[in-house]
Amino acid sequence: MPKPTIKRFGILTSGGDCPGLNAAIRGVAKAASSTYGMEVIGISNGYRGLIYGDARELSAADFSNILTQGGTILGSSREKPFKDRYDPALTDAEAGQDKPELIKETIDRLGLDAIVAIGGNGTNTTAHLLSKEGIKVIGLPKTIDNDIWGTDVSFGFHSAVDIAATSIDRLHSTANSHNRIMVIELMGHKAGWLSLYAGVAAGGDVILLPEIPYDPKEVAKDLELRRAAGKLFSIVVVAEGAMTVAEAAMPKKERKRLREEASYPTIGYRVAAEIEKDTGMETRLTVLGYLQRGGTPIPYDRVLATAFGTSAAEMLARGQFGRMVAMRDSHVASVPLSEVAGRTRTVPIDHHLVETARLVGTSFGDGR
């Protein structure tokens, strides 16, 4: 067992919540305190807590019995201290005082030797920027989107897949009863991992992903072919970042402007309207929303989050900073935060699960 280089560290959860955060906190804290004798300081509400100095020492009672608990006992926020550096209520731009400087002051005042930051793309990007400022940081990857560069999987993803697939399963019976097209919109930001996995698991007939731009006419044709074959209902799974072939060719600002002019609340509403217009079939929409991020983590995510957490504690003890814990080829490893920052892991268009879906007859709306 390595002799710890760290005596006292802070731990925070930042960005959107997801199942498994508490399991990760528990993994880090239990290993760090009981195995390496470190003091664990819980930072409240993500990076905002580091700015405001909102923190408390965690005892064994704080991180016991939280393995199966959803959400995060530390709270979270989407604070991005390097993006919105100045807050008139806190900082003084004329004096050169900004949020990163306040974070450094908090770390010094609390006597922290390092920070463990648990979060998604934004959180680990900020962790990298803090490491460039001389702060010892270790990142952990969590997100239901599964879009963090450098790791094969993030905890929270498989729990969200389970929730989404179960929801699609429930739509099958009502779609069948009424001979309807049921459209379900899932989260995922700019990546289609969640829609791909849930769509395949639940037998989606059409899956629309950001990485594979779709043609509304092709979607309509595929649904009409199903109807002609005697299949009187269909399930269409739509990732929130899905776009048409025409939109994919546009500059981002133009695409955003056209969507705002169309005034559909989300992409799912537009897809449902397109289908009903092009096919004449009765179509209904379900936007699953935040249900995908809530509740108890499934066993896989509890195990993964625990393994990531204990690995982070070992990295603290060994002095391995500026890195993010990762799953690589079925082994827990780590990657430099510099490689993770500012990058997104999207679905390759030739991914084996895309090909699997095509082979069972699933349409991606691209005419293939």
Protein backbone atom coordinates (compact mmCIF):
# COMPACT_ATOMS: atom_id res chain seq x y z
CA MET A 1 0.00 0.00 0.00
CA PRO A 2 1.48 3.39 -1.00
CA LYS A 3 2.22 5.97 1.66
CA PRO A 4 -0.33 8.77 1.05
CA THR A 5 0.93 12.04 -0.37
CA ILE A 6 -2.38 13.70 0.54
CA LYS A 7 -3.73 14.27 4.06
CA ARG A 8 -6.85 16.34 3.37
CA PHE A 9 -8.85 16.71 0.16
CA GLY A 10 -12.13 18.12 -1.07
CA ILE A 11 -14.72 16.22 -3.07
CA LEU A 12 -17.51 17.72 -5.18
CA THR A 13 -20.20 16.71 -7.65
CA SER A 14 -20.93 19.10 -10.49
CA GLY A 15 -23.23 19.36 -13.50
CA GLY A 16 -26.43 17.38 -13.97
CA ASP A 17 -27.24 14.72 -11.40
CA CYS A 18 -27.38 11.03 -12.28
CA PRO A 19 -27.68 7.65 -10.57
CA GLY A 20 -24.43 6.51 -8.98
CA LEU A 21 -23.07 9.82 -7.67
CA ASN A 22 -23.48 8.80 -4.05
CA ALA A 23 -21.92 5.42 -4.75
CA ALA A 24 -18.87 7.23 -6.17
CA ILE A 25 -18.68 9.60 -3.18
CA ARG A 26 -18.85 6.58 -0.88
CA GLY A 27 -16.13 4.75 -2.83
CA VAL A 28 -13.73 7.68 -2.68
CA ALA A 29 -14.45 8.62 0.93
CA LYS A 30 -14.42 5.13 2.46
CA ALA A 31 -11.20 4.11 0.75
CA ALA A 32 -9.47 7.43 1.41
CA SER A 33 -10.40 7.60 5.09
CA SER A 34 -10.31 3.98 6.22
CA THR A 35 -7.47 2.69 4.05
CA TYR A 36 -5.25 5.78 3.70
CA GLY A 37 -6.22 7.85 6.75
CA MET A 38 -7.13 10.97 4.79
CA GLU A 39 -9.57 13.68 5.88
CA VAL A 40 -12.49 14.15 3.48
CA ILE A 41 -14.07 17.57 3.01
CA GLY A 42 -17.40 17.67 1.19
CA ILE A 43 -17.84 20.68 -1.11
CA SER A 44 -21.49 21.69 -1.52
CA ASN A 45 -23.10 22.43 -4.89
CA GLY A 46 -20.20 21.74 -7.21
CA TYR A 47 -17.70 24.42 -8.12
CA ARG A 48 -20.03 27.02 -6.64
CA GLY A 49 -19.17 25.63 -3.21
CA LEU A 50 -15.48 26.14 -3.91
CA ILE A 51 -16.16 29.74 -4.85
CA TYR A 52 -18.32 30.49 -1.80
CA GLY A 53 -16.34 28.29 0.59
CA ASP A 54 -19.39 26.14 1.34
CA ALA A 55 -17.86 22.96 2.75
CA ARG A 56 -17.84 20.60 5.75
CA GLU A 57 -15.82 17.66 6.96
CA LEU A 58 -17.42 14.32 6.16
CA SER A 59 -17.51 11.59 8.79
CA ALA A 60 -18.17 7.89 8.28
CA ALA A 61 -21.82 8.50 9.09
CA ASP A 62 -22.10 10.87 6.12
CA PHE A 63 -21.04 8.33 3.52
CA SER A 64 -22.60 5.23 5.03
CA ASN A 65 -25.87 3.82 3.64
CA ILE A 66 -25.74 5.94 0.48
CA LEU A 67 -24.70 3.25 -2.02
CA THR A 68 -28.22 2.83 -3.43
CA GLN A 69 -29.37 6.41 -2.93
CA GLY A 70 -30.08 8.52 -6.02
CA GLY A 71 -28.96 12.11 -6.49
CA THR A 72 -25.98 13.48 -4.56
CA ILE A 73 -25.61 14.19 -0.85
CA LEU A 74 -23.27 17.06 -1.74
CA GLY A 75 -25.63 18.85 -4.11
CA SER A 76 -24.67 20.06 -7.57
CA SER A 77 -24.66 23.10 -9.84
CA ARG A 78 -23.69 24.00 -13.37
CA GLU A 79 -21.25 26.68 -12.26
CA LYS A 80 -18.46 27.21 -14.81
CA PRO A 81 -15.89 29.42 -13.09
CA PHE A 82 -13.64 29.82 -16.13
CA LYS A 83 -16.52 30.73 -18.46
CA ASP A 84 -18.33 33.27 -16.27
CA ARG A 85 -15.32 34.45 -14.31
CA TYR A 86 -16.78 37.57 -12.71
CA ASP A 87 -19.74 38.06 -10.39
CA PRO A 88 -20.14 41.64 -9.10
CA ALA A 89 -21.41 40.28 -5.77
CA LEU A 90 -18.27 38.19 -5.28
CA THR A 91 -15.43 39.36 -7.46
CA ASP A 92 -13.68 42.55 -8.43
CA ALA A 93 -12.81 42.64 -12.12
CA GLU A 94 -10.83 45.89 -11.79
CA ALA A 95 -8.64 44.33 -9.11
CA GLY A 96 -8.18 41.20 -11.21
CA GLN A 97 -10.06 39.02 -8.73
CA ASP A 98 -12.12 36.34 -10.42
CA LYS A 99 -13.79 33.02 -9.55
CA PRO A 100 -10.70 30.85 -10.11
CA GLU A 101 -8.83 33.10 -7.68
CA LEU A 102 -11.62 32.68 -5.12
CA ILE A 103 -11.39 28.92 -5.58
CA LYS A 104 -7.67 29.04 -4.81
CA GLU A 105 -8.37 31.10 -1.70
CA THR A 106 -11.00 28.58 -0.54
CA ILE A 107 -8.62 25.66 -1.08
CA ASP A 108 -5.91 27.45 0.93
CA ARG A 109 -8.31 28.47 3.70
CA LEU A 110 -9.68 24.93 4.06
CA GLY A 111 -6.19 23.45 3.97
CA LEU A 112 -6.99 21.14 1.06
CA ASP A 113 -4.16 19.29 -0.61
CA ALA A 114 -6.26 18.20 -3.62
CA ILE A 115 -9.73 18.14 -5.19
CA VAL A 116 -11.72 15.19 -6.51
CA ALA A 117 -14.27 16.44 -9.05
CA ILE A 118 -17.09 14.11 -10.10
CA GLY A 119 -18.96 15.15 -13.21
CA GLY A 120 -19.36 15.19 -16.95
CA ASN A 121 -17.66 17.02 -19.82
CA GLY A 122 -17.92 20.49 -18.32
CA THR A 123 -16.81 19.36 -14.88
CA ASN A 124 -13.72 17.56 -16.16
CA THR A 125 -12.88 20.45 -18.49
CA THR A 126 -12.95 22.79 -15.48
CA ALA A 127 -10.87 20.26 -13.54
CA HIS A 128 -8.25 20.44 -16.30
CA LEU A 129 -8.24 24.24 -16.16
CA LEU A 130 -7.81 24.13 -12.39
CA SER A 131 -4.89 21.73 -12.78
CA LYS A 132 -3.28 24.25 -15.14
CA GLU A 133 -3.59 26.78 -12.30
CA GLY A 134 -1.49 24.51 -10.11
CA ILE A 135 -4.31 22.79 -8.21
CA LYS A 136 -4.03 19.04 -7.69
CA VAL A 137 -7.16 17.55 -9.25
CA ILE A 138 -8.54 14.11 -10.07
CA GLY A 139 -11.68 13.72 -12.19
CA LEU A 140 -14.36 11.02 -12.20
CA PRO A 141 -16.66 10.52 -15.22
CA LYS A 142 -20.40 10.52 -14.65
CA THR A 143 -23.20 11.21 -17.12
CA ILE A 144 -26.27 9.53 -18.52
CA ASP A 145 -25.11 10.75 -21.95
CA ASN A 146 -22.02 8.47 -21.98
CA ASP A 147 -20.24 11.13 -24.01
CA ILE A 148 -17.07 11.74 -21.99
CA TRP A 149 -13.91 11.33 -24.02
CA GLY A 150 -11.35 8.84 -22.79
CA THR A 151 -13.60 6.34 -21.02
CA ASP A 152 -15.54 3.46 -22.55
CA VAL A 153 -18.43 4.05 -20.17
CA SER A 154 -19.52 6.57 -17.55
CA PHE A 155 -21.51 5.64 -14.47
CA GLY A 156 -25.15 6.71 -14.63
CA PHE A 157 -25.47 5.69 -18.26
CA HIS A 158 -26.71 2.15 -17.81
CA SER A 159 -29.23 3.20 -15.15
CA ALA A 160 -30.64 5.73 -17.61
CA VAL A 161 -30.74 3.08 -20.35
CA ASP A 162 -32.74 0.86 -18.00
CA ILE A 163 -35.23 3.64 -17.27
CA ALA A 164 -35.57 4.60 -20.93
CA ALA A 165 -35.92 1.02 -22.19
CA THR A 166 -38.54 0.21 -19.56
CA SER A 167 -40.49 3.32 -20.59
CA ILE A 168 -40.37 2.30 -24.26
CA ASP A 169 -41.55 -1.17 -23.27
CA ARG A 170 -44.61 0.41 -21.68
CA LEU A 171 -45.36 2.41 -24.81
CA HIS A 172 -45.57 -0.76 -26.89
CA SER A 173 -48.86 -1.86 -25.34
CA THR A 174 -50.66 1.46 -25.82
CA ALA A 175 -49.25 1.84 -29.34
CA ASN A 176 -50.51 -1.63 -30.21
CA SER A 177 -53.92 -1.01 -28.63
CA HIS A 178 -54.55 2.12 -30.67
CA ASN A 179 -52.55 1.35 -33.84
CA ARG A 180 -50.51 4.48 -33.30
CA ILE A 181 -47.04 5.76 -34.00
CA MET A 182 -45.43 6.45 -30.63
CA VAL A 183 -42.50 8.89 -30.59
CA ILE A 184 -40.34 8.98 -27.46
CA GLU A 185 -37.69 11.67 -27.00
CA LEU A 186 -34.67 10.82 -24.86
CA MET A 187 -31.81 12.88 -23.47
CA GLY A 188 -28.20 12.59 -24.59
CA HIS A 189 -27.20 16.17 -25.46
CA LYS A 190 -25.14 15.95 -28.67
CA ALA A 191 -24.52 12.20 -28.47
CA GLY A 192 -26.87 9.35 -29.33
CA TRP A 193 -25.62 6.65 -26.96
CA LEU A 194 -28.68 6.63 -24.73
CA SER A 195 -31.17 6.50 -27.60
CA LEU A 196 -29.15 3.85 -29.42
CA TYR A 197 -28.85 1.49 -26.45
CA ALA A 198 -32.40 2.02 -25.18
CA GLY A 199 -33.84 1.84 -28.68
CA VAL A 200 -32.13 -1.46 -29.44
CA ALA A 201 -32.97 -2.89 -26.01
CA ALA A 202 -36.66 -2.04 -26.36
CA GLY A 203 -37.10 -2.83 -30.04
CA GLY A 204 -37.44 0.67 -31.44
CA ASP A 205 -38.51 0.58 -35.09
CA VAL A 206 -36.90 3.93 -35.93
CA ILE A 207 -34.00 5.46 -34.00
CA LEU A 208 -32.92 9.01 -34.80
CA LEU A 209 -29.44 10.01 -33.61
CA PRO A 210 -27.40 13.24 -33.84
CA GLU A 211 -24.58 11.33 -35.53
CA ILE A 212 -26.79 9.99 -38.35
CA PRO A 213 -28.80 12.88 -39.87
CA TYR A 214 -32.24 11.74 -41.00
CA ASP A 215 -34.53 12.52 -43.91
CA PRO A 216 -38.17 12.97 -42.80
CA LYS A 217 -39.34 11.41 -46.06
CA GLU A 218 -37.25 8.30 -45.43
CA VAL A 219 -38.72 7.99 -41.92
CA ALA A 220 -42.23 8.27 -43.38
CA LYS A 221 -41.44 5.70 -46.08
CA ASP A 222 -40.11 3.19 -43.55
CA LEU A 223 -43.18 3.61 -41.33
CA GLU A 224 -45.50 3.20 -44.31
CA LEU A 225 -43.68 0.01 -45.32
CA ARG A 226 -44.27 -1.36 -41.83
CA ARG A 227 -47.96 -0.50 -42.08
CA ALA A 228 -48.19 -2.15 -45.50
CA ALA A 229 -46.63 -5.29 -44.01
CA GLY A 230 -49.42 -5.46 -41.43
CA LYS A 231 -47.52 -3.85 -38.56
CA LEU A 232 -50.09 -1.35 -37.41
CA PHE A 233 -48.01 0.45 -34.80
CA SER A 234 -44.42 1.67 -34.60
CA ILE A 235 -42.03 3.03 -31.99
CA VAL A 236 -39.79 5.97 -32.94
CA VAL A 237 -36.93 6.78 -30.55
CA VAL A 238 -35.54 10.31 -30.94
CA ALA A 239 -32.36 11.62 -29.33
CA GLU A 240 -32.69 15.23 -28.21
CA GLY A 241 -29.80 16.24 -30.49
CA ALA A 242 -31.15 14.57 -33.63
CA MET A 243 -31.18 16.63 -36.82
CA THR A 244 -32.20 16.30 -40.43
CA VAL A 245 -29.79 15.96 -43.34
CA ALA A 246 -30.58 19.55 -44.31
CA GLU A 247 -29.90 20.83 -40.80
CA ALA A 248 -26.60 18.96 -40.59
CA ALA A 249 -25.38 20.90 -43.62
CA MET A 250 -26.22 24.27 -42.03
CA PRO A 251 -24.05 26.43 -39.79
CA LYS A 252 -25.03 25.98 -36.15
CA LYS A 253 -26.46 29.49 -35.83
CA GLU A 254 -28.66 29.04 -38.90
CA ARG A 255 -29.93 25.71 -37.60
CA LYS A 256 -30.74 27.26 -34.23
CA ARG A 257 -32.55 30.20 -35.87
CA LEU A 258 -34.75 27.96 -38.00
CA ARG A 259 -35.68 25.81 -35.00
CA GLU A 260 -36.64 28.86 -33.00
CA GLU A 261 -38.81 30.11 -35.85
CA ALA A 262 -40.54 26.72 -36.07
CA SER A 263 -41.42 27.10 -32.36
CA TYR A 264 -41.47 23.40 -31.50
CA PRO A 265 -40.57 23.00 -27.79
CA THR A 266 -38.16 20.14 -28.56
CA ILE A 267 -37.11 17.96 -31.49
CA GLY A 268 -39.59 15.24 -30.52
CA TYR A 269 -42.55 17.54 -31.18
CA ARG A 270 -41.27 18.30 -34.65
CA VAL A 271 -40.61 14.66 -35.51
CA ALA A 272 -44.11 13.68 -34.37
CA ALA A 273 -45.62 16.48 -36.48
CA GLU A 274 -43.54 15.47 -39.52
CA ILE A 275 -44.62 11.85 -39.25
CA GLU A 276 -48.31 12.64 -38.90
CA LYS A 277 -48.18 15.06 -41.81
CA ASP A 278 -46.21 12.75 -44.12
CA THR A 279 -48.02 9.50 -43.31
CA GLY A 280 -51.45 10.51 -42.07
CA MET A 281 -50.98 8.04 -39.20
CA GLU A 282 -52.08 9.00 -35.70
CA THR A 283 -48.90 9.93 -33.80
CA ARG A 284 -48.29 10.66 -30.13
CA LEU A 285 -45.20 11.99 -28.34
CA THR A 286 -43.65 11.21 -24.95
CA VAL A 287 -40.75 13.34 -23.73
CA LEU A 288 -39.18 11.30 -20.95
CA GLY A 289 -37.16 14.19 -19.53
CA TYR A 290 -35.65 14.17 -16.07
CA LEU A 291 -37.04 10.77 -15.18
CA GLN A 292 -33.97 9.43 -16.96
CA ARG A 293 -31.65 11.00 -14.38
CA GLY A 294 -33.46 10.05 -11.20
CA GLY A 295 -33.84 7.16 -8.84
CA THR A 296 -31.73 4.29 -7.59
CA PRO A 297 -28.68 3.28 -9.66
CA ILE A 298 -28.81 -0.23 -11.06
CA PRO A 299 -26.21 -2.69 -9.70
CA TYR A 300 -23.88 -2.18 -12.69
CA ASP A 301 -23.58 1.54 -11.97
CA ARG A 302 -23.13 0.97 -8.23
CA VAL A 303 -20.21 -1.36 -8.97
CA LEU A 304 -18.71 0.96 -11.61
CA ALA A 305 -19.02 4.08 -9.43
CA THR A 306 -17.50 2.26 -6.47
CA ALA A 307 -14.59 1.01 -8.58
CA PHE A 308 -14.00 4.51 -9.97
CA GLY A 309 -14.17 6.00 -6.47
CA THR A 310 -11.69 3.61 -4.87
CA SER A 311 -9.37 4.09 -7.84
CA ALA A 312 -9.50 7.86 -7.27
CA ALA A 313 -8.56 7.33 -3.61
CA GLU A 314 -5.57 5.24 -4.68
CA MET A 315 -4.55 7.94 -7.17
CA LEU A 316 -4.68 10.49 -4.35
CA ALA A 317 -2.39 8.29 -2.28
CA ARG A 318 0.04 7.84 -5.17
CA GLY A 319 0.04 11.49 -6.14
CA GLN A 320 -1.37 10.92 -9.62
CA PHE A 321 -3.01 14.26 -10.41
CA GLY A 322 -4.29 16.00 -13.51
CA ARG A 323 -5.98 12.77 -14.58
CA MET A 324 -9.48 11.32 -14.88
CA VAL A 325 -10.41 7.79 -13.80
CA ALA A 326 -11.63 5.81 -16.81
CA MET A 327 -12.76 2.41 -18.01
CA ARG A 328 -10.50 1.23 -20.84
CA ASP A 329 -10.94 -2.20 -22.42
CA SER A 330 -12.78 -3.54 -19.34
CA HIS A 331 -10.08 -2.30 -16.94
CA VAL A 332 -10.18 0.70 -14.60
CA ALA A 333 -7.40 3.07 -15.64
CA SER A 334 -6.87 6.81 -15.94
CA VAL A 335 -6.32 9.35 -18.70
CA PRO A 336 -4.86 12.88 -18.67
CA LEU A 337 -7.50 15.56 -18.12
CA SER A 338 -5.84 17.46 -20.96
CA GLU A 339 -7.08 14.76 -23.36
CA VAL A 340 -10.62 14.85 -21.96
CA ALA A 341 -11.16 18.62 -21.82
CA GLY A 342 -13.30 20.13 -24.54
CA ARG A 343 -13.96 16.85 -26.36
CA THR A 344 -17.13 14.82 -26.81
CA ARG A 345 -17.41 11.08 -27.38
CA THR A 346 -20.10 10.53 -29.99
CA VAL A 347 -21.46 7.36 -31.61
CA PRO A 348 -19.36 6.23 -34.59
CA ILE A 349 -21.66 5.71 -37.56
CA ASP A 350 -20.17 2.24 -38.03
CA HIS A 351 -20.52 1.28 -34.36
CA HIS A 352 -21.33 -2.40 -33.92
CA LEU A 353 -24.66 -1.62 -32.23
CA VAL A 354 -25.72 0.57 -35.16
CA GLU A 355 -24.99 -2.34 -37.49
CA THR A 356 -26.79 -4.73 -35.13
CA ALA A 357 -29.87 -2.52 -35.22
CA ARG A 358 -29.83 -2.30 -39.02
CA LEU A 359 -29.60 -6.09 -39.29
CA VAL A 360 -32.81 -6.53 -37.29
CA GLY A 361 -34.61 -4.03 -39.48
CA THR A 362 -34.30 -0.82 -37.47
CA SER A 363 -34.39 2.37 -39.50
CA PHE A 364 -32.15 5.35 -38.81
CA GLY A 365 -34.03 7.51 -41.30
CA ASP A 366 -31.04 7.74 -43.63
CA GLY A 367 -32.29 5.55 -46.48
CA ARG A 368 -30.05 2.59 -45.67
